[in-house]
Protein backbone atom coordinates (compact mmCIF):
# COMPACT_ATOMS: atom_id res chain seq x y z
CA MET A 1 -110.71 -115.77 49.55
CA CYS A 2 -113.23 -113.05 49.62
CA ILE A 3 -114.68 -111.70 52.81
CA THR A 4 -118.73 -111.39 51.82
CA ARG A 5 -121.76 -111.38 53.38
CA ARG A 6 -123.14 -114.54 50.96
CA PRO A 7 -123.40 -117.37 54.43
CA VAL A 8 -126.50 -114.73 55.74
CA ALA A 9 -127.42 -113.85 52.34
CA ARG A 10 -128.15 -117.48 51.96
CA ALA A 11 -128.82 -118.35 54.21
CA ARG A 12 -131.87 -116.06 54.88
CA THR A 13 -132.76 -116.93 51.53
CA ASP A 14 -133.25 -121.04 52.24
CA TYR A 15 -134.99 -119.85 55.32
CA ASP A 16 -137.53 -117.60 54.02
CA GLU A 17 -137.94 -119.69 50.86
CA ARG A 18 -137.10 -123.31 51.11
CA PRO A 19 -139.04 -125.41 53.16
CA ALA A 20 -137.24 -126.34 56.60
CA THR A 21 -135.99 -130.38 56.30
CA PRO A 22 -133.07 -131.52 57.77
CA GLN A 23 -130.28 -131.24 54.53
CA GLN A 24 -132.35 -127.57 54.98
CA ALA A 25 -131.38 -126.73 58.18
CA ARG A 26 -127.99 -128.45 58.12
CA GLU A 27 -126.65 -126.12 55.63
CA MET A 28 -128.15 -123.19 56.78
CA ARG A 29 -126.32 -123.58 60.51
CA ALA A 30 -122.88 -123.77 58.54
CA ALA A 31 -123.64 -120.89 56.41
CA LEU A 32 -124.65 -118.56 59.69
CA ASN A 33 -120.72 -120.24 60.85
CA THR A 34 -118.84 -119.01 57.85
CA SER A 35 -119.93 -115.69 58.39
CA ALA A 36 -119.79 -115.73 61.83
CA VAL A 37 -115.89 -117.45 62.51
CA GLU A 38 -115.34 -114.06 60.08
CA ALA A 39 -116.51 -112.12 62.16
CA VAL A 40 -114.73 -113.33 65.11
CA ALA A 41 -112.36 -113.32 63.43
CA LEU A 42 -112.10 -110.07 61.31
CA MET A 43 -112.51 -108.12 64.82
CA ALA A 44 -109.87 -109.98 66.56
CA ALA A 45 -107.44 -109.13 63.53
CA ASN A 46 -108.87 -105.26 63.37
CA ALA A 47 -108.55 -104.49 68.27
CA LEU A 48 -104.88 -106.78 67.76
CA CYS A 49 -104.31 -104.29 64.57
CA GLU A 50 -105.47 -100.94 66.60
CA TYR A 51 -103.65 -102.07 69.47
CA LEU A 52 -100.49 -103.22 67.62
CA ASN A 53 -100.54 -99.54 65.65
CA ARG A 54 -101.12 -97.20 69.13
CA TRP A 55 -104.27 -96.48 67.80
CA ASN A 56 -107.68 -95.31 68.84
CA ASP A 57 -106.10 -95.47 72.24
CA ALA A 58 -106.17 -99.52 72.01
CA GLY A 59 -104.83 -101.33 75.11
CA PRO A 60 -104.93 -104.56 77.27
CA ALA A 61 -108.30 -104.37 77.11
CA GLU A 62 -108.50 -105.61 73.07
CA VAL A 63 -105.49 -108.07 73.53
CA THR A 64 -108.55 -109.57 75.95
CA GLN A 65 -111.55 -109.53 73.89
CA ALA A 66 -108.78 -110.40 70.89
CA GLN A 67 -107.88 -113.37 72.95
CA SER A 68 -111.20 -115.28 73.30
CA ALA A 69 -112.15 -113.72 69.88
CA VAL A 70 -109.84 -115.42 68.60
CA GLU A 71 -110.05 -119.05 70.81
CA THR A 72 -113.88 -118.36 69.59
CA ALA A 73 -113.53 -118.18 65.93
CA LEU A 74 -111.07 -121.55 66.80
CA SER A 75 -113.95 -123.52 68.60
CA ILE A 76 -116.07 -122.47 65.29
CA ASP A 77 -113.66 -124.35 62.34
CA PRO A 78 -109.87 -125.05 64.34
CA ALA A 79 -109.45 -124.95 59.66
CA PHE A 80 -110.66 -121.22 59.03
CA TYR A 81 -107.32 -118.90 57.71
CA LEU A 82 -108.51 -115.94 59.63
CA ALA A 83 -108.50 -117.27 62.55
CA HIS A 84 -105.42 -117.80 62.65
CA TYR A 85 -104.33 -114.95 61.16
CA ALA A 86 -106.15 -113.09 63.87
CA ARG A 87 -103.80 -115.82 66.51
CA GLY A 88 -100.90 -114.63 64.47
CA PHE A 89 -101.42 -110.83 65.93
CA LEU A 90 -102.32 -112.89 69.48
CA CYS A 91 -99.33 -114.58 69.93
CA ARG A 92 -97.14 -111.26 68.52
CA ALA A 93 -98.61 -109.13 71.21
CA GLN A 94 -97.71 -111.15 73.59
CA GLY A 95 -94.59 -111.66 72.72
CA GLN A 96 -94.52 -115.32 71.57
CA HIS A 97 -92.90 -114.99 68.48
CA GLU A 98 -92.40 -118.73 67.89
CA GLU A 99 -96.06 -119.00 68.14
CA GLU A 100 -96.95 -116.39 66.13
CA LEU A 101 -94.49 -117.66 63.77
CA ALA A 102 -96.77 -121.11 64.01
CA ALA A 103 -99.78 -119.51 63.75
CA PHE A 104 -99.15 -117.91 60.18
CA ASP A 105 -98.44 -120.96 59.56
CA GLU A 106 -100.76 -122.37 59.34
CA THR A 107 -102.70 -119.19 58.08
CA ILE A 108 -101.00 -119.89 54.92
CA LYS A 109 -101.33 -123.60 55.07
CA CYS A 110 -104.94 -123.10 54.69
CA ASN A 111 -104.44 -120.55 52.25
CA SER A 112 -101.92 -119.83 50.36
CA ASP A 113 -102.76 -117.38 48.46
CA PHE A 114 -103.73 -114.51 51.58
CA ALA A 115 -100.31 -112.53 50.16
CA ARG A 116 -100.36 -110.48 53.61
CA ALA A 117 -99.31 -114.01 55.89
CA HIS A 118 -96.38 -114.29 53.61
CA ALA A 119 -95.49 -110.90 55.06
CA GLN A 120 -97.25 -111.55 58.18
CA ARG A 121 -94.58 -114.35 58.67
CA GLY A 122 -91.35 -112.09 57.14
CA GLU A 123 -92.29 -110.02 60.54
CA ALA A 124 -93.08 -113.07 62.96
CA LEU A 125 -88.66 -114.42 61.26
CA LEU A 126 -87.61 -110.62 61.42
CA TYR A 127 -89.04 -111.40 65.11
CA LEU A 128 -87.23 -114.25 66.01
CA GLY A 129 -84.12 -113.10 64.94
CA ARG A 130 -83.98 -114.21 60.98
CA ALA A 131 -84.03 -111.43 58.20
CA PRO A 132 -82.71 -113.53 55.13
CA GLU A 133 -86.08 -115.61 55.68
CA ALA A 134 -87.95 -113.13 56.35
CA ILE A 135 -87.21 -110.71 53.64
CA ALA A 136 -88.17 -114.41 51.72
CA ALA A 137 -91.37 -114.69 53.05
CA VAL A 138 -92.06 -111.34 52.08
CA ASP A 139 -91.47 -112.02 48.04
CA VAL A 140 -93.83 -114.24 47.95
CA ALA A 141 -96.02 -112.39 49.68
CA ILE A 142 -94.65 -109.87 46.41
CA THR A 143 -95.21 -112.47 44.58
CA ARG A 144 -98.46 -113.84 45.19
CA ASN A 145 -100.13 -109.97 44.35
CA PRO A 146 -97.45 -107.39 43.06
CA THR A 147 -100.59 -104.77 43.09
CA SER A 148 -101.36 -105.49 46.28
CA LYS A 149 -103.21 -101.90 48.19
CA ILE A 150 -101.13 -103.35 51.42
CA ARG A 151 -97.79 -103.86 49.53
CA GLY A 152 -96.63 -100.82 51.60
CA TYR A 153 -97.12 -102.71 54.37
CA PHE A 154 -94.61 -105.77 52.27
CA TYR A 155 -92.06 -103.71 51.75
CA TRP A 156 -91.85 -102.49 54.91
CA VAL A 157 -91.12 -105.09 56.00
CA LYS A 158 -88.55 -106.00 53.34
CA GLY A 159 -86.71 -102.72 54.10
CA ARG A 160 -87.06 -103.65 58.07
CA ALA A 161 -85.32 -106.60 57.86
CA TYR A 162 -82.36 -105.13 55.82
CA PHE A 163 -81.86 -103.04 57.97
CA TYR A 164 -81.84 -105.29 61.11
CA GLN A 165 -78.42 -106.63 58.99
CA GLU A 166 -76.86 -103.09 58.23
CA GLN A 167 -77.39 -103.41 55.54
CA TYR A 168 -78.80 -99.51 54.95
CA PRO A 169 -78.59 -98.35 51.40
CA GLU A 170 -80.83 -101.59 50.64
CA ALA A 171 -82.98 -101.00 53.65
CA SER A 172 -83.49 -97.68 52.39
CA LEU A 173 -85.13 -98.13 49.06
CA TRP A 174 -87.50 -100.66 50.02
CA LEU A 175 -89.19 -98.69 53.41
CA GLU A 176 -88.74 -95.33 50.52
CA ARG A 177 -91.01 -97.51 48.37
CA SER A 178 -93.23 -98.69 51.75
CA VAL A 179 -93.42 -95.28 52.62
CA ARG A 180 -94.73 -93.81 48.69
CA ASN A 181 -97.30 -97.01 49.86
CA TRP A 182 -98.22 -96.24 52.87
CA PRO A 183 -98.22 -93.20 54.52
CA HIS A 184 -100.25 -92.69 56.95
CA VAL A 185 -97.84 -94.78 60.00
CA TRP A 186 -95.23 -93.32 61.31
CA TYR A 187 -92.69 -96.40 61.57
CA ASN A 188 -91.79 -97.28 58.65
CA ARG A 189 -90.47 -93.71 58.06
CA ALA A 190 -88.34 -93.46 61.27
CA TYR A 191 -86.89 -96.64 60.63
CA LEU A 192 -85.65 -94.99 56.36
CA LEU A 193 -84.46 -91.58 58.96
CA SER A 194 -82.59 -94.21 61.23
CA ALA A 195 -81.55 -95.52 57.99
CA HIS A 196 -80.70 -92.88 56.18
CA ALA A 197 -78.54 -92.01 59.36
CA LEU A 198 -76.96 -94.92 59.25
CA SER A 199 -75.58 -95.06 57.14
CA ARG A 200 -73.08 -91.82 56.64
CA LYS A 201 -72.81 -91.38 52.89
CA PRO A 202 -71.01 -88.70 51.78
CA GLY A 203 -72.85 -85.30 51.40
CA ASN A 204 -76.50 -87.81 52.90
CA ARG A 205 -76.84 -84.57 55.86
CA VAL A 206 -79.49 -82.90 53.00
CA THR A 207 -81.83 -86.88 52.38
CA VAL A 208 -81.39 -86.91 56.91
CA ARG A 209 -83.18 -83.18 57.22
CA ARG A 210 -85.70 -83.94 53.88
CA VAL A 211 -86.30 -87.09 55.78
CA PHE A 212 -86.83 -85.69 59.29
CA GLY A 213 -88.68 -82.79 58.14
CA ALA A 214 -91.00 -85.30 55.88
CA PHE A 215 -91.71 -87.14 59.51
CA ASP A 216 -91.66 -84.04 61.60
CA GLU A 217 -94.46 -83.11 59.06
CA ARG A 218 -97.18 -85.08 59.83
CA PHE A 219 -96.25 -86.76 63.00
CA PRO A 220 -95.21 -83.57 64.86
CA GLY A 221 -92.97 -83.53 68.12
CA TYR A 222 -91.94 -87.27 67.91
CA THR A 223 -89.64 -88.05 70.47
CA VAL A 224 -87.44 -91.22 71.00
CA ALA A 225 -89.01 -92.16 73.89
CA GLN A 226 -92.02 -91.74 71.82
CA ILE A 227 -91.26 -94.25 69.96
CA ILE A 228 -90.07 -97.11 72.23
CA GLU A 229 -93.16 -96.65 74.51
CA ASN A 230 -94.82 -96.81 71.07
CA GLU A 231 -92.49 -99.79 70.45
CA ARG A 232 -93.84 -102.19 73.94
CA ALA A 233 -96.80 -103.00 72.16
CA THR A 234 -94.36 -105.08 70.78
CA PRO A 235 -92.31 -107.08 72.80
CA GLY A 236 -88.57 -108.06 70.63
CA THR A 237 -86.20 -111.31 71.67
CA GLN A 238 -82.85 -110.02 72.52
CA PRO A 239 -81.01 -110.31 68.95
CA PHE A 240 -84.69 -108.12 67.90
CA GLY A 241 -83.91 -105.33 70.27
CA ALA A 242 -80.02 -105.06 69.93
CA MET A 243 -81.73 -103.76 66.84
CA ARG A 244 -84.12 -101.61 68.69
CA LYS A 245 -81.82 -100.31 69.85
CA ARG A 246 -79.27 -99.16 66.87
CA PHE A 247 -83.20 -97.43 65.31
CA HIS A 248 -82.92 -95.32 68.36
CA GLU A 249 -79.84 -94.32 67.43
CA GLY A 250 -80.03 -93.37 64.52
CA LEU A 251 -82.86 -90.91 65.35
CA GLN A 252 -80.43 -89.12 67.85
CA VAL A 253 -77.80 -88.98 64.57
CA ALA A 254 -80.72 -87.81 62.52
CA GLY A 255 -81.35 -85.35 65.18
CA MET A 256 -84.47 -86.73 67.24
CA PRO A 257 -85.32 -85.57 69.79
CA PRO A 258 -85.07 -87.99 72.68
């Protein structure tokens, strides 16, 4: 579904050019409701994206505002897919991963072609410790939109799912693809670094130095402690926490300062 300004434009045209009738008023209200729920849901999703990524100093205040926006969007249109999508991020930020999964399931129910929702569903499954299902969900996203401009995110979720299963060569493959297609975030690069360090392949030290050098060039001065602090935005389950601990150990093996 394409998000455009057509509902507002249509309502303005109706108001300017059509005679006032009960039907015209009803259609105008519907068009404006559609525009309103889109704006509110997108605002919530964007604010939560900033918070979860630790961007632009977004903090608990943004989460509170997003919660209010999600509630507003769902009250306007309980079947609007982006409202449920934003709710999935809200639940993630609150560490409510069963509810997060349910929200992304509802998103897909409302719009099954929305590839991002399938990938986010995979992320929710991973937080619940269901890595094979997470990979399958991402595969659906890739099938739905193989040339997506955010396919780097799809690859990131799949790579981390393989990391979760300690399949480090497979993790490295997908995380390399993620970094190529989505070079602006720290976490796909950090997981790639850790995966290479933990794989302990013969001659892998050269690869670890290369990946660490590329990471440090884009994100200079990062420490394991800073990464742990960033991760506080997304509380995990106990099994996921164990995977994160391995991730941190791999970073230290690679030479990242504690």
